[in-house]
Structure formats: structure tokens, C-alpha cells
Amino acid sequence: MSDYSAKVHMEVGGDRQTLDPGGSVKFGNVTFTVNAAGQLVLSGLPTVNPAVAGALYSNAGVLTLGS
């Protein structure tokens, strides 16, 4: 079973994925979604510092990098 919607595709001849509005990609527990306004929305981020340098987490709603 795939973890992406039909609004996600590989660019022709490229090596990156494109998310169209309404599309989403899930990595582990984190889902990256592009809403109808074209804004990137992350859900499922941990809410405590994962103690891994460069890892993302939500610190009271503020996107933060772990140290």
C-alpha cells in the first residue's frame, strides 16, 4: 500500500517528486501536504526534542531543529 496520493509525481527526466495542491507524502509518522493555497503543511511531527541534530520537531507550534 502506498503512502502518497495521486497528486504526487516524479518530474519527467528528473530525480525529484512534485506535490500538486491536495497532494501529500508520508515519511514515518510525518505527513507533508500541499494545501489548496499551495502552502506546505506538516503533521505528525514529534512535540519534544528528539535529541538528533537537524531533526525537526514542533516546540509549542514552532518548527524547531533538534540539537
Protein backbone atom coordinates (compact mmCIF):
# COMPACT_ATOMS: atom_id res chain seq x y z
CA MET A 1 0.00 0.00 0.00
CA SER A 2 1.41 3.38 -0.96
CA ASP A 3 1.73 6.41 1.33
CA TYR A 4 1.12 9.09 -1.28
CA SER A 5 -1.85 10.46 -3.20
CA ALA A 6 -2.31 10.66 -6.94
CA LYS A 7 -1.26 14.32 -6.78
CA VAL A 8 2.37 13.32 -6.23
CA HIS A 9 4.55 12.55 -9.22
CA MET A 10 8.12 12.30 -10.40
CA GLU A 11 9.15 15.01 -12.82
CA VAL A 12 9.86 13.68 -16.31
CA GLY A 13 13.57 13.02 -16.61
CA GLY A 14 14.13 14.31 -13.10
CA ASP A 15 15.01 12.92 -9.73
CA ARG A 16 12.59 14.81 -7.51
CA GLN A 17 8.95 14.44 -6.59
CA THR A 18 6.38 17.16 -7.12
CA LEU A 19 3.35 17.67 -4.86
CA ASP A 20 0.36 19.28 -6.51
CA PRO A 21 -2.19 21.10 -4.30
CA GLY A 22 -4.02 18.44 -2.31
CA GLY A 23 -1.12 16.01 -2.57
CA SER A 24 0.75 14.54 0.37
CA VAL A 25 3.73 12.34 1.16
CA LYS A 26 4.21 10.42 4.39
CA PHE A 27 7.63 9.65 5.91
CA GLY A 28 7.24 7.55 9.05
CA ASN A 29 4.70 9.41 11.21
CA VAL A 30 5.16 12.78 9.47
CA THR A 31 2.92 13.82 6.57
CA PHE A 32 3.87 16.64 4.20
CA THR A 33 0.78 18.08 2.46
CA VAL A 34 0.36 20.91 -0.04
CA ASN A 35 -2.99 22.60 0.63
CA ALA A 36 -5.23 24.28 -1.97
CA ALA A 37 -3.40 27.60 -1.43
CA GLY A 38 -0.05 25.96 -2.25
CA GLN A 39 1.21 26.08 1.35
CA LEU A 40 3.26 23.22 2.81
CA VAL A 41 1.66 21.73 5.94
CA LEU A 42 3.47 19.24 8.20
CA SER A 43 1.56 16.99 10.55
CA GLY A 44 2.70 14.27 12.90
CA LEU A 45 5.92 15.96 13.97
CA PRO A 46 7.24 14.98 17.41
CA THR A 47 6.49 17.54 20.11
CA VAL A 48 9.68 17.03 22.14
CA ASN A 49 13.29 17.50 21.09
CA PRO A 50 14.33 14.18 19.52
CA ALA A 51 17.96 14.86 20.57
CA VAL A 52 19.09 14.29 16.99
CA ALA A 53 20.99 17.15 15.34
CA GLY A 54 18.93 18.59 12.48
CA ALA A 55 15.74 16.61 13.22
CA LEU A 56 12.51 18.62 13.00
CA TYR A 57 10.03 18.85 15.86
CA SER A 58 7.18 21.09 16.97
CA ASN A 59 8.11 23.19 20.01
CA ALA A 60 4.73 24.57 21.14
CA GLY A 61 3.76 25.06 17.48
CA VAL A 62 7.14 26.48 16.42
CA LEU A 63 9.04 24.42 13.84
CA THR A 64 12.39 23.68 15.50
CA LEU A 65 15.58 21.81 14.59
CA GLY A 66 16.93 19.32 17.11
CA SER A 67 20.38 19.94 18.53
